[in-house]
Amino acid sequence: MKQRILKSLKFLGNKYVIATIIFLLLILFLDDYNLMDTRRLRRQVKELRAEERELRNDMVEDSVRAASLRGNLDAIERYGRENYYMKRSDEDIYVIKDRKK
């Protein structure tokens, strides 16, 4: 048992092993682009790409909605009434909001 410990200490005392351990510590933890920062940045890139896909889908939906509104006066009126609470001069509008939202 004692000989194993002595062998491992001799192995760790080797100048090449010490240089390798120091190099790995520098690369993994102390460098400007260390392992933890790299993992954090990769996660952030993944989230940003997901957000980009979502925004592109929203852009496609909005362009389809805008194309349906062009030139169709009934659709424009319905959109204005639903989203901006516009009304005709002879009518009243009551807005009922759900408190759970």
N, C-alpha and C. Protein backbone atom coordinates (compact mmCIF):
# COMPACT_ATOMS: atom_id res chain seq x y z
N MET A 1 0.83 -1.19 0.00
CA MET A 1 0.00 0.00 0.00
C MET A 1 0.87 1.25 0.00
N LYS A 2 1.87 1.24 0.85
CA LYS A 2 2.75 2.38 0.96
C LYS A 2 3.56 2.57 -0.33
N GLN A 3 3.88 1.47 -0.97
CA GLN A 3 4.65 1.55 -2.22
C GLN A 3 3.80 2.16 -3.34
N ARG A 4 2.53 1.85 -3.36
CA ARG A 4 1.64 2.46 -4.37
C ARG A 4 1.59 3.97 -4.20
N ILE A 5 1.49 4.41 -2.98
CA ILE A 5 1.44 5.85 -2.70
C ILE A 5 2.75 6.51 -3.12
N LEU A 6 3.85 5.85 -2.81
CA LEU A 6 5.14 6.41 -3.20
C LEU A 6 5.30 6.46 -4.72
N LYS A 7 4.81 5.42 -5.42
CA LYS A 7 4.89 5.41 -6.88
C LYS A 7 4.04 6.54 -7.47
N SER A 8 2.84 6.73 -6.91
CA SER A 8 1.97 7.79 -7.42
C SER A 8 2.56 9.17 -7.13
N LEU A 9 3.22 9.32 -5.99
CA LEU A 9 3.86 10.60 -5.68
C LEU A 9 5.06 10.84 -6.59
N LYS A 10 5.79 9.79 -6.91
CA LYS A 10 6.90 9.93 -7.86
C LYS A 10 6.37 10.34 -9.23
N PHE A 11 5.25 9.70 -9.61
CA PHE A 11 4.65 10.02 -10.90
C PHE A 11 4.20 11.48 -10.94
N LEU A 12 3.58 11.92 -9.86
CA LEU A 12 3.12 13.32 -9.79
C LEU A 12 4.27 14.30 -9.65
N GLY A 13 5.41 13.85 -9.20
CA GLY A 13 6.57 14.70 -9.06
C GLY A 13 7.31 14.92 -10.36
N ASN A 14 6.96 14.19 -11.38
CA ASN A 14 7.59 14.33 -12.69
C ASN A 14 7.30 15.72 -13.25
N LYS A 15 8.31 16.37 -13.82
CA LYS A 15 8.13 17.75 -14.29
C LYS A 15 7.15 17.84 -15.46
N TYR A 16 7.06 16.78 -16.25
CA TYR A 16 6.12 16.80 -17.38
C TYR A 16 4.68 16.65 -16.91
N VAL A 17 4.48 15.84 -15.90
CA VAL A 17 3.14 15.69 -15.32
C VAL A 17 2.71 16.99 -14.67
N ILE A 18 3.61 17.62 -13.94
CA ILE A 18 3.28 18.90 -13.30
C ILE A 18 2.96 19.96 -14.34
N ALA A 19 3.75 20.00 -15.42
CA ALA A 19 3.49 20.98 -16.49
C ALA A 19 2.15 20.70 -17.15
N THR A 20 1.82 19.42 -17.36
CA THR A 20 0.54 19.06 -17.98
C THR A 20 -0.62 19.45 -17.08
N ILE A 21 -0.50 19.20 -15.79
CA ILE A 21 -1.57 19.55 -14.84
C ILE A 21 -1.76 21.06 -14.80
N ILE A 22 -0.68 21.81 -14.76
CA ILE A 22 -0.79 23.28 -14.76
C ILE A 22 -1.42 23.78 -16.05
N PHE A 23 -1.01 23.19 -17.17
CA PHE A 23 -1.59 23.57 -18.46
C PHE A 23 -3.09 23.30 -18.49
N LEU A 24 -3.50 22.11 -18.02
CA LEU A 24 -4.93 21.78 -18.00
C LEU A 24 -5.71 22.72 -17.09
N LEU A 25 -5.15 23.06 -15.94
CA LEU A 25 -5.83 24.00 -15.05
C LEU A 25 -5.98 25.37 -15.70
N LEU A 26 -4.95 25.80 -16.39
CA LEU A 26 -5.03 27.09 -17.08
C LEU A 26 -6.10 27.07 -18.16
N ILE A 27 -6.11 26.02 -18.95
CA ILE A 27 -7.06 25.93 -20.06
C ILE A 27 -8.49 25.76 -19.56
N LEU A 28 -8.70 24.91 -18.56
CA LEU A 28 -10.05 24.60 -18.11
C LEU A 28 -10.68 25.69 -17.25
N PHE A 29 -9.88 26.40 -16.45
CA PHE A 29 -10.49 27.30 -15.48
C PHE A 29 -10.00 28.75 -15.53
N LEU A 30 -8.77 28.99 -15.89
CA LEU A 30 -8.21 30.32 -15.73
C LEU A 30 -8.07 31.11 -17.03
N ASP A 31 -8.25 30.49 -18.15
CA ASP A 31 -8.09 31.15 -19.44
C ASP A 31 -9.28 32.06 -19.71
N ASP A 32 -9.13 33.01 -20.63
CA ASP A 32 -10.24 33.89 -21.00
C ASP A 32 -11.40 33.10 -21.62
N TYR A 33 -11.10 32.08 -22.35
CA TYR A 33 -12.11 31.23 -22.98
C TYR A 33 -12.09 29.86 -22.32
N ASN A 34 -12.33 29.83 -21.03
CA ASN A 34 -12.25 28.57 -20.30
C ASN A 34 -13.47 27.71 -20.55
N LEU A 35 -13.46 26.54 -19.99
CA LEU A 35 -14.51 25.56 -20.24
C LEU A 35 -15.88 26.05 -19.78
N MET A 36 -15.94 26.67 -18.62
CA MET A 36 -17.23 27.13 -18.09
C MET A 36 -17.82 28.24 -18.95
N ASP A 37 -16.99 29.17 -19.36
CA ASP A 37 -17.48 30.26 -20.21
C ASP A 37 -17.92 29.73 -21.57
N THR A 38 -17.19 28.76 -22.10
CA THR A 38 -17.54 28.18 -23.39
C THR A 38 -18.90 27.49 -23.30
N ARG A 39 -19.13 26.74 -22.23
CA ARG A 39 -20.42 26.07 -22.07
C ARG A 39 -21.55 27.09 -21.93
N ARG A 40 -21.30 28.16 -21.17
CA ARG A 40 -22.32 29.20 -20.99
C ARG A 40 -22.64 29.87 -22.32
N LEU A 41 -21.61 30.17 -23.10
CA LEU A 41 -21.83 30.82 -24.38
C LEU A 41 -22.55 29.91 -25.37
N ARG A 42 -22.23 28.62 -25.35
CA ARG A 42 -22.95 27.68 -26.23
C ARG A 42 -24.42 27.60 -25.87
N ARG A 43 -24.73 27.58 -24.56
CA ARG A 43 -26.12 27.56 -24.13
C ARG A 43 -26.84 28.84 -24.56
N GLN A 44 -26.15 29.96 -24.47
CA GLN A 44 -26.73 31.24 -24.87
C GLN A 44 -26.99 31.27 -26.37
N VAL A 45 -26.07 30.73 -27.16
CA VAL A 45 -26.26 30.67 -28.60
C VAL A 45 -27.46 29.80 -28.94
N LYS A 46 -27.61 28.69 -28.24
CA LYS A 46 -28.74 27.79 -28.47
C LYS A 46 -30.07 28.51 -28.18
N GLU A 47 -30.11 29.26 -27.08
CA GLU A 47 -31.33 30.01 -26.73
C GLU A 47 -31.62 31.09 -27.77
N LEU A 48 -30.58 31.76 -28.23
CA LEU A 48 -30.78 32.82 -29.22
C LEU A 48 -31.26 32.25 -30.55
N ARG A 49 -30.77 31.09 -30.93
CA ARG A 49 -31.24 30.46 -32.17
C ARG A 49 -32.69 30.05 -32.06
N ALA A 50 -33.10 29.56 -30.89
CA ALA A 50 -34.51 29.21 -30.68
C ALA A 50 -35.38 30.47 -30.75
N GLU A 51 -34.90 31.56 -30.17
CA GLU A 51 -35.64 32.82 -30.23
C GLU A 51 -35.73 33.33 -31.67
N GLU A 52 -34.65 33.15 -32.43
CA GLU A 52 -34.65 33.57 -33.83
C GLU A 52 -35.69 32.78 -34.63
N ARG A 53 -35.76 31.45 -34.40
CA ARG A 53 -36.77 30.64 -35.09
C ARG A 53 -38.17 31.11 -34.76
N GLU A 54 -38.40 31.40 -33.47
CA GLU A 54 -39.72 31.87 -33.04
C GLU A 54 -40.07 33.21 -33.69
N LEU A 55 -39.11 34.11 -33.74
CA LEU A 55 -39.36 35.41 -34.35
C LEU A 55 -39.59 35.30 -35.86
N ARG A 56 -38.87 34.39 -36.50
CA ARG A 56 -39.11 34.17 -37.94
C ARG A 56 -40.51 33.63 -38.19
N ASN A 57 -40.97 32.71 -37.33
CA ASN A 57 -42.33 32.18 -37.47
C ASN A 57 -43.35 33.29 -37.26
N ASP A 58 -43.11 34.14 -36.26
CA ASP A 58 -44.02 35.27 -36.04
C ASP A 58 -44.03 36.21 -37.23
N MET A 59 -42.86 36.40 -37.84
CA MET A 59 -42.77 37.29 -39.00
C MET A 59 -43.58 36.73 -40.18
N VAL A 60 -43.52 35.42 -40.37
CA VAL A 60 -44.29 34.79 -41.45
C VAL A 60 -45.78 34.94 -41.18
N GLU A 61 -46.19 34.69 -39.92
CA GLU A 61 -47.61 34.84 -39.58
C GLU A 61 -48.08 36.28 -39.78
N ASP A 62 -47.26 37.25 -39.40
CA ASP A 62 -47.63 38.65 -39.57
C ASP A 62 -47.71 39.04 -41.04
N SER A 63 -46.81 38.51 -41.86
CA SER A 63 -46.87 38.84 -43.29
C SER A 63 -48.11 38.23 -43.94
N VAL A 64 -48.50 37.04 -43.48
CA VAL A 64 -49.73 36.43 -44.01
C VAL A 64 -50.94 37.26 -43.58
N ARG A 65 -50.94 37.69 -42.33
CA ARG A 65 -52.05 38.52 -41.82
C ARG A 65 -52.10 39.86 -42.57
N ALA A 66 -50.95 40.46 -42.83
CA ALA A 66 -50.90 41.74 -43.55
C ALA A 66 -51.38 41.56 -44.99
N ALA A 67 -51.02 40.43 -45.61
CA ALA A 67 -51.48 40.18 -46.98
C ALA A 67 -52.98 40.00 -47.03
N SER A 68 -53.56 39.40 -45.99
CA SER A 68 -55.01 39.22 -45.99
C SER A 68 -55.74 40.54 -45.76
N LEU A 69 -55.07 41.50 -45.12
CA LEU A 69 -55.72 42.79 -44.86
C LEU A 69 -55.64 43.75 -46.04
N ARG A 70 -54.72 43.53 -46.93
CA ARG A 70 -54.56 44.46 -48.06
C ARG A 70 -55.77 44.39 -48.98
N GLY A 71 -56.43 45.52 -49.09
CA GLY A 71 -57.53 45.64 -50.03
C GLY A 71 -58.85 45.07 -49.56
N ASN A 72 -58.90 44.40 -48.45
CA ASN A 72 -60.15 43.81 -47.96
C ASN A 72 -60.66 44.69 -46.82
N LEU A 73 -61.62 45.56 -47.12
CA LEU A 73 -62.11 46.52 -46.14
C LEU A 73 -62.82 45.86 -44.97
N ASP A 74 -63.53 44.76 -45.23
CA ASP A 74 -64.20 44.06 -44.13
C ASP A 74 -63.19 43.47 -43.15
N ALA A 75 -62.11 42.92 -43.68
CA ALA A 75 -61.08 42.35 -42.82
C ALA A 75 -60.37 43.44 -42.03
N ILE A 76 -60.14 44.59 -42.64
CA ILE A 76 -59.51 45.72 -41.95
C ILE A 76 -60.41 46.21 -40.81
N GLU A 77 -61.70 46.32 -41.09
CA GLU A 77 -62.64 46.76 -40.06
C GLU A 77 -62.70 45.75 -38.90
N ARG A 78 -62.76 44.47 -39.22
CA ARG A 78 -62.81 43.44 -38.18
C ARG A 78 -61.53 43.46 -37.34
N TYR A 79 -60.39 43.64 -37.98
CA TYR A 79 -59.11 43.69 -37.26
C TYR A 79 -59.07 44.91 -36.33
N GLY A 80 -59.50 46.05 -36.82
CA GLY A 80 -59.53 47.26 -36.00
C GLY A 80 -60.47 47.12 -34.83
N ARG A 81 -61.61 46.50 -35.03
CA ARG A 81 -62.57 46.33 -33.94
C ARG A 81 -62.03 45.35 -32.88
N GLU A 82 -61.39 44.27 -33.33
CA GLU A 82 -60.93 43.26 -32.38
C GLU A 82 -59.69 43.71 -31.61
N ASN A 83 -58.78 44.39 -32.25
CA ASN A 83 -57.49 44.69 -31.62
C ASN A 83 -57.38 46.10 -31.06
N TYR A 84 -58.10 47.03 -31.62
CA TYR A 84 -57.97 48.43 -31.18
C TYR A 84 -59.27 48.99 -30.61
N TYR A 85 -60.27 48.14 -30.44
CA TYR A 85 -61.55 48.51 -29.85
C TYR A 85 -62.18 49.71 -30.57
N MET A 86 -62.05 49.74 -31.88
CA MET A 86 -62.68 50.81 -32.66
C MET A 86 -64.18 50.53 -32.76
N LYS A 87 -64.93 51.59 -32.89
CA LYS A 87 -66.39 51.43 -32.93
C LYS A 87 -66.98 52.40 -33.92
N ARG A 88 -68.16 52.07 -34.31
CA ARG A 88 -68.93 53.00 -35.15
C ARG A 88 -69.54 54.06 -34.24
N SER A 89 -70.01 55.13 -34.83
CA SER A 89 -70.50 56.25 -34.03
C SER A 89 -71.79 55.91 -33.28
N ASP A 90 -72.56 54.94 -33.76
CA ASP A 90 -73.85 54.65 -33.13
C ASP A 90 -73.82 53.40 -32.23
N GLU A 91 -72.66 52.95 -31.81
CA GLU A 91 -72.63 51.74 -30.98
C GLU A 91 -71.71 51.94 -29.77
N ASP A 92 -71.96 51.14 -28.76
CA ASP A 92 -71.16 51.15 -27.54
C ASP A 92 -70.36 49.84 -27.48
N ILE A 93 -69.17 49.93 -26.89
CA ILE A 93 -68.31 48.74 -26.77
C ILE A 93 -68.07 48.49 -25.29
N TYR A 94 -68.25 47.25 -24.91
CA TYR A 94 -67.96 46.81 -23.56
C TYR A 94 -66.83 45.80 -23.64
N VAL A 95 -65.76 46.09 -22.91
CA VAL A 95 -64.60 45.20 -22.91
C VAL A 95 -64.61 44.40 -21.63
N ILE A 96 -64.63 43.08 -21.78
CA ILE A 96 -64.61 42.20 -20.64
C ILE A 96 -63.26 41.48 -20.63
N LYS A 97 -62.51 41.70 -19.57
CA LYS A 97 -61.19 41.09 -19.47
C LYS A 97 -61.20 39.98 -18.43
N ASP A 98 -60.51 38.93 -18.71
CA ASP A 98 -60.39 37.82 -17.79
C ASP A 98 -59.32 38.14 -16.76
N ARG A 99 -59.64 38.01 -15.48
CA ARG A 99 -58.69 38.38 -14.43
C ARG A 99 -57.58 37.35 -14.28
N LYS A 100 -57.78 36.15 -14.76
CA LYS A 100 -56.77 35.10 -14.62
C LYS A 100 -55.53 35.40 -15.44
N LYS A 101 -55.67 36.10 -16.51
CA LYS A 101 -54.53 36.42 -17.37
C LYS A 101 -53.82 37.58 -16.79
